């Protein structure tokens, strides 16, 4: 099975910004959030997008 066009993960430093069906990773600092996003991008073979200073998503195009 191949996943196309999906949100694979959400990474945030603000728990109140997210809720939903994708895996959510809560980070304490912006630096930690950047590292987690970069690692998940490679692991999940997706693309990381910053939606705000507190929120990243990993998507599969």
PDB file of N, CA and C in Angstrom:
ATOM      1  N   UNK A   1       0.838  -1.174   0.000  1.00  0.00           N
ATOM      2  CA  UNK A   1       0.000   0.000   0.000  1.00  0.00           C
ATOM      3  C   UNK A   1       0.882   1.235   0.000  1.00  0.00           C
ATOM      4  N   UNK A   2       0.488   2.244  -0.762  1.00  0.00           N
ATOM      5  CA  UNK A   2       1.221   3.496  -0.858  1.00  0.00           C
ATOM      6  C   UNK A   2       0.354   4.632  -0.348  1.00  0.00           C
ATOM      7  N   UNK A   3       0.945   5.475   0.471  1.00  0.00           N
ATOM      8  CA  UNK A   3       0.215   6.637   0.975  1.00  0.00           C
ATOM      9  C   UNK A   3       0.544   7.824   0.080  1.00  0.00           C
ATOM     10  N   UNK A   4      -0.479   8.467  -0.464  1.00  0.00           N
ATOM     11  CA  UNK A   4      -0.316   9.658  -1.288  1.00  0.00           C
ATOM     12  C   UNK A   4      -1.122  10.796  -0.694  1.00  0.00           C
ATOM     13  N   UNK A   5      -0.549  11.992  -0.719  1.00  0.00           N
ATOM     14  CA  UNK A   5      -1.239  13.218  -0.309  1.00  0.00           C
ATOM     15  C   UNK A   5      -1.894  13.108   1.066  1.00  0.00           C
ATOM     16  N   UNK A   6      -1.058  13.018   2.088  1.00  0.00           N
ATOM     17  CA  UNK A   6      -1.566  12.892   3.453  1.00  0.00           C
ATOM     18  C   UNK A   6      -0.676  13.657   4.422  1.00  0.00           C
ATOM     19  N   UNK A   7      -1.271  14.096   5.541  1.00  0.00           N
ATOM     20  CA  UNK A   7      -0.492  14.655   6.641  1.00  0.00           C
ATOM     21  C   UNK A   7      -0.015  13.471   7.471  1.00  0.00           C
ATOM     22  N   UNK A   8       1.292  13.308   7.559  1.00  0.00           N
ATOM     23  CA  UNK A   8       1.871  12.159   8.250  1.00  0.00           C
ATOM     24  C   UNK A   8       2.129  12.424   9.724  1.00  0.00           C
ATOM     25  N   UNK A   9       2.415  13.685  10.081  1.00  0.00           N
ATOM     26  CA  UNK A   9       2.723  14.016  11.472  1.00  0.00           C
ATOM     27  C   UNK A   9       2.554  15.510  11.705  1.00  0.00           C
ATOM     28  N   UNK A  10       2.321  15.854  12.960  1.00  0.00           N
ATOM     29  CA  UNK A  10       2.223  17.249  13.396  1.00  0.00           C
ATOM     30  C   UNK A  10       3.214  17.431  14.533  1.00  0.00           C
ATOM     31  N   UNK A  11       3.990  18.521  14.481  1.00  0.00           N
ATOM     32  CA  UNK A  11       4.969  18.816  15.520  1.00  0.00           C
ATOM     33  C   UNK A  11       4.684  20.218  16.037  1.00  0.00           C
ATOM     34  N   UNK A  12       4.587  20.374  17.347  1.00  0.00           N
ATOM     35  CA  UNK A  12       4.234  21.677  17.896  1.00  0.00           C
ATOM     36  C   UNK A  12       4.859  21.911  19.268  1.00  0.00           C
ATOM     37  N   UNK A  13       4.953  23.188  19.611  1.00  0.00           N
ATOM     38  CA  UNK A  13       5.340  23.573  20.970  1.00  0.00           C
ATOM     39  C   UNK A  13       4.128  24.100  21.735  1.00  0.00           C
ATOM     40  N   UNK A  14       2.985  24.144  21.070  1.00  0.00           N
ATOM     41  CA  UNK A  14       1.759  24.662  21.686  1.00  0.00           C
ATOM     42  C   UNK A  14       0.656  23.619  21.562  1.00  0.00           C
ATOM     43  N   UNK A  15       0.393  22.918  22.637  1.00  0.00           N
ATOM     44  CA  UNK A  15      -0.594  21.835  22.634  1.00  0.00           C
ATOM     45  C   UNK A  15      -1.995  22.311  22.261  1.00  0.00           C
ATOM     46  N   UNK A  16      -2.284  23.575  22.458  1.00  0.00           N
ATOM     47  CA  UNK A  16      -3.623  24.089  22.193  1.00  0.00           C
ATOM     48  C   UNK A  16      -3.871  24.373  20.718  1.00  0.00           C
ATOM     49  N   UNK A  17      -2.830  24.294  19.892  1.00  0.00           N
ATOM     50  CA  UNK A  17      -2.964  24.570  18.461  1.00  0.00           C
ATOM     51  C   UNK A  17      -3.409  23.355  17.661  1.00  0.00           C
ATOM     52  N   UNK A  18      -3.299  22.146  18.215  1.00  0.00           N
ATOM     53  CA  UNK A  18      -3.544  20.950  17.412  1.00  0.00           C
ATOM     54  C   UNK A  18      -4.478  19.969  18.111  1.00  0.00           C
ATOM     55  N   UNK A  19      -5.127  19.183  17.265  1.00  0.00           N
ATOM     56  CA  UNK A  19      -5.984  18.098  17.703  1.00  0.00           C
ATOM     57  C   UNK A  19      -6.324  17.326  16.442  1.00  0.00           C
ATOM     58  N   UNK A  20      -6.426  16.035  16.522  1.00  0.00           N
ATOM     59  CA  UNK A  20      -6.834  15.336  15.314  1.00  0.00           C
ATOM     60  C   UNK A  20      -6.250  13.962  15.145  1.00  0.00           C
ATOM     61  N   UNK A  21      -6.322  13.491  13.895  1.00  0.00           N
ATOM     62  CA  UNK A  21      -6.021  12.113  13.587  1.00  0.00           C
ATOM     63  C   UNK A  21      -4.579  11.785  13.257  1.00  0.00           C
ATOM     64  N   UNK A  22      -3.758  12.768  12.916  1.00  0.00           N
ATOM     65  CA  UNK A  22      -2.348  12.498  12.606  1.00  0.00           C
ATOM     66  C   UNK A  22      -1.565  12.385  13.917  1.00  0.00           C
ATOM     67  N   UNK A  23      -0.467  11.633  13.911  1.00  0.00           N
ATOM     68  CA  UNK A  23       0.380  11.583  15.113  1.00  0.00           C
ATOM     69  C   UNK A  23       0.879  12.992  15.464  1.00  0.00           C
ATOM     70  N   UNK A  24       0.812  13.335  16.737  1.00  0.00           N
ATOM     71  CA  UNK A  24       1.198  14.666  17.205  1.00  0.00           C
ATOM     72  C   UNK A  24       2.400  14.531  18.132  1.00  0.00           C
ATOM     73  N   UNK A  25       3.430  15.330  17.864  1.00  0.00           N
ATOM     74  CA  UNK A  25       4.640  15.336  18.668  1.00  0.00           C
ATOM     75  C   UNK A  25       4.734  16.694  19.364  1.00  0.00           C
ATOM     76  N   UNK A  26       4.719  16.685  20.693  1.00  0.00           N
ATOM     77  CA  UNK A  26       4.813  17.916  21.480  1.00  0.00           C
ATOM     78  C   UNK A  26       6.267  18.139  21.880  1.00  0.00           C
ATOM     79  N   UNK A  27       6.774  19.345  21.638  1.00  0.00           N
ATOM     80  CA  UNK A  27       8.151  19.691  21.964  1.00  0.00           C
ATOM     81  C   UNK A  27       8.160  20.858  22.945  1.00  0.00           C
ATOM     82  N   UNK A  28       9.218  20.946  23.727  1.00  0.00           N
ATOM     83  CA  UNK A  28       9.312  21.999  24.730  1.00  0.00           C
ATOM     84  C   UNK A  28       9.910  23.288  24.173  1.00  0.00           C
ATOM     85  N   UNK A  29      10.790  23.174  23.177  1.00  0.00           N
ATOM     86  CA  UNK A  29      11.445  24.362  22.621  1.00  0.00           C
ATOM     87  C   UNK A  29      11.343  24.356  21.096  1.00  0.00           C
ATOM     88  N   UNK A  30      11.579  25.526  20.524  1.00  0.00           N
ATOM     89  CA  UNK A  30      11.574  25.646  19.068  1.00  0.00           C
ATOM     90  C   UNK A  30      12.713  24.830  18.455  1.00  0.00           C
ATOM     91  N   UNK A  31      13.869  24.817  19.125  1.00  0.00           N
ATOM     92  CA  UNK A  31      15.012  24.037  18.630  1.00  0.00           C
ATOM     93  C   UNK A  31      14.678  22.552  18.595  1.00  0.00           C
ATOM     94  N   UNK A  32      14.065  22.052  19.652  1.00  0.00           N
ATOM     95  CA  UNK A  32      13.655  20.646  19.689  1.00  0.00           C
ATOM     96  C   UNK A  32      12.641  20.363  18.583  1.00  0.00           C
ATOM     97  N   UNK A  33      11.709  21.277  18.377  1.00  0.00           N
ATOM     98  CA  UNK A  33      10.698  21.106  17.340  1.00  0.00           C
ATOM     99  C   UNK A  33      11.349  21.016  15.954  1.00  0.00           C
ATOM    100  N   UNK A  34      12.345  21.864  15.683  1.00  0.00           N
ATOM    101  CA  UNK A  34      13.053  21.831  14.407  1.00  0.00           C
ATOM    102  C   UNK A  34      13.772  20.504  14.194  1.00  0.00           C
ATOM    103  N   UNK A  35      14.407  19.992  15.241  1.00  0.00           N
ATOM    104  CA  UNK A  35      15.120  18.712  15.141  1.00  0.00           C
ATOM    105  C   UNK A  35      14.160  17.557  14.916  1.00  0.00           C
ATOM    106  N   UNK A  36      13.050  17.539  15.645  1.00  0.00           N
ATOM    107  CA  UNK A  36      12.065  16.474  15.482  1.00  0.00           C
ATOM    108  C   UNK A  36      11.476  16.527  14.078  1.00  0.00           C
ATOM    109  N   UNK A  37      11.171  17.707  13.590  1.00  0.00           N
ATOM    110  CA  UNK A  37      10.614  17.851  12.242  1.00  0.00           C
ATOM    111  C   UNK A  37      11.603  17.349  11.189  1.00  0.00           C
ATOM    112  N   UNK A  38      12.858  17.703  11.326  1.00  0.00           N
ATOM    113  CA  UNK A  38      13.877  17.259  10.361  1.00  0.00           C
ATOM    114  C   UNK A  38      14.038  15.741  10.381  1.00  0.00           C
ATOM    115  N   UNK A  39      14.054  15.157  11.566  1.00  0.00           N
ATOM    116  CA  UNK A  39      14.184  13.699  11.659  1.00  0.00           C
ATOM    117  C   UNK A  39      12.964  12.981  11.107  1.00  0.00           C
ATOM    118  N   UNK A  40      11.774  13.443  11.448  1.00  0.00           N
ATOM    119  CA  UNK A  40      10.562  12.797  10.947  1.00  0.00           C
ATOM    120  C   UNK A  40      10.429  12.948   9.437  1.00  0.00           C
ATOM    121  N   UNK A  41      10.870  14.071   8.913  1.00  0.00           N
ATOM    122  CA  UNK A  41      10.853  14.289   7.469  1.00  0.00           C
ATOM    123  C   UNK A  41      11.657  13.191   6.767  1.00  0.00           C
ATOM    124  N   UNK A  42      12.828  12.884   7.286  1.00  0.00           N
ATOM    125  CA  UNK A  42      13.673  11.842   6.698  1.00  0.00           C
ATOM    126  C   UNK A  42      13.099  10.446   6.936  1.00  0.00           C
ATOM    127  N   UNK A  43      12.655  10.188   8.134  1.00  0.00           N
ATOM    128  CA  UNK A  43      12.142   8.861   8.488  1.00  0.00           C
ATOM    129  C   UNK A  43      10.884   8.523   7.701  1.00  0.00           C
ATOM    130  N   UNK A  44       9.974   9.494   7.586  1.00  0.00           N
ATOM    131  CA  UNK A  44       8.687   9.246   6.942  1.00  0.00           C
ATOM    132  C   UNK A  44       8.712   9.482   5.432  1.00  0.00           C
ATOM    133  N   UNK A  45       9.862   9.933   4.916  1.00  0.00           N
ATOM    134  CA  UNK A  45       9.999  10.233   3.491  1.00  0.00           C
ATOM    135  C   UNK A  45       8.947  11.247   3.058  1.00  0.00           C
ATOM    136  N   UNK A  46       8.814  12.301   3.867  1.00  0.00           N
ATOM    137  CA  UNK A  46       7.848  13.355   3.587  1.00  0.00           C
ATOM    138  C   UNK A  46       8.536  14.702   3.499  1.00  0.00           C
ATOM    139  N   UNK A  47       7.729  15.751   3.442  1.00  0.00           N
ATOM    140  CA  UNK A  47       8.227  17.115   3.371  1.00  0.00           C
ATOM    141  C   UNK A  47       7.720  17.877   4.598  1.00  0.00           C
ATOM    142  N   UNK A  48       8.614  18.614   5.231  1.00  0.00           N
ATOM    143  CA  UNK A  48       8.280  19.394   6.410  1.00  0.00           C
ATOM    144  C   UNK A  48       7.845  20.798   5.993  1.00  0.00           C
ATOM    145  N   UNK A  49       6.734  21.264   6.559  1.00  0.00           N
ATOM    146  CA  UNK A  49       6.238  22.610   6.292  1.00  0.00           C
ATOM    147  C   UNK A  49       5.983  23.315   7.621  1.00  0.00           C
ATOM    148  N   UNK A  50       6.547  24.520   7.783  1.00  0.00           N
ATOM    149  CA  UNK A  50       6.296  25.334   8.963  1.00  0.00           C
ATOM    150  C   UNK A  50       5.031  26.136   8.713  1.00  0.00           C
ATOM    151  N   UNK A  51       4.008  25.906   9.511  1.00  0.00           N
ATOM    152  CA  UNK A  51       2.768  26.666   9.381  1.00  0.00           C
ATOM    153  C   UNK A  51       2.778  27.905  10.260  1.00  0.00           C
ATOM    154  N   UNK A  52       3.606  27.876  11.295  1.00  0.00           N
ATOM    155  CA  UNK A  52       3.804  29.037  12.170  1.00  0.00           C
ATOM    156  C   UNK A  52       5.082  28.793  12.961  1.00  0.00           C
ATOM    157  N   UNK A  53       5.404  29.708  13.859  1.00  0.00           N
ATOM    158  CA  UNK A  53       6.590  29.527  14.708  1.00  0.00           C
ATOM    159  C   UNK A  53       6.414  28.380  15.694  1.00  0.00           C
ATOM    160  N   UNK A  54       5.175  27.933  15.885  1.00  0.00           N
ATOM    161  CA  UNK A  54       4.883  26.890  16.867  1.00  0.00           C
ATOM    162  C   UNK A  54       4.393  25.594  16.250  1.00  0.00           C
ATOM    163  N   UNK A  55       4.345  25.517  14.916  1.00  0.00           N
ATOM    164  CA  UNK A  55       3.676  24.375  14.300  1.00  0.00           C
ATOM    165  C   UNK A  55       4.307  23.964  12.978  1.00  0.00           C
ATOM    166  N   UNK A  56       4.663  22.686  12.877  1.00  0.00           N
ATOM    167  CA  UNK A  56       5.139  22.069  11.643  1.00  0.00           C
ATOM    168  C   UNK A  56       4.215  20.899  11.307  1.00  0.00           C
ATOM    169  N   UNK A  57       4.105  20.619  10.016  1.00  0.00           N
ATOM    170  CA  UNK A  57       3.459  19.377   9.590  1.00  0.00           C
ATOM    171  C   UNK A  57       4.414  18.661   8.640  1.00  0.00           C
ATOM    172  N   UNK A  58       4.325  17.345   8.638  1.00  0.00           N
ATOM    173  CA  UNK A  58       5.048  16.528   7.672  1.00  0.00           C
ATOM    174  C   UNK A  58       3.993  15.978   6.735  1.00  0.00           C
ATOM    175  N   UNK A  59       4.159  16.233   5.442  1.00  0.00           N
ATOM    176  CA  UNK A  59       3.176  15.786   4.459  1.00  0.00           C
ATOM    177  C   UNK A  59       3.821  14.912   3.406  1.00  0.00           C
ATOM    178  N   UNK A  60       2.999  14.100   2.800  1.00  0.00           N
ATOM    179  CA  UNK A  60       3.395  13.290   1.647  1.00  0.00           C
ATOM    180  C   UNK A  60       2.650  13.863   0.470  1.00  0.00           C
ATOM    181  N   UNK A  61       3.388  14.336  -0.550  1.00  0.00           N
ATOM    182  CA  UNK A  61       2.774  14.919  -1.745  1.00  0.00           C
ATOM    183  C   UNK A  61       2.525  13.854  -2.783  1.00  0.00           C
TER     184      UNK A  61
END
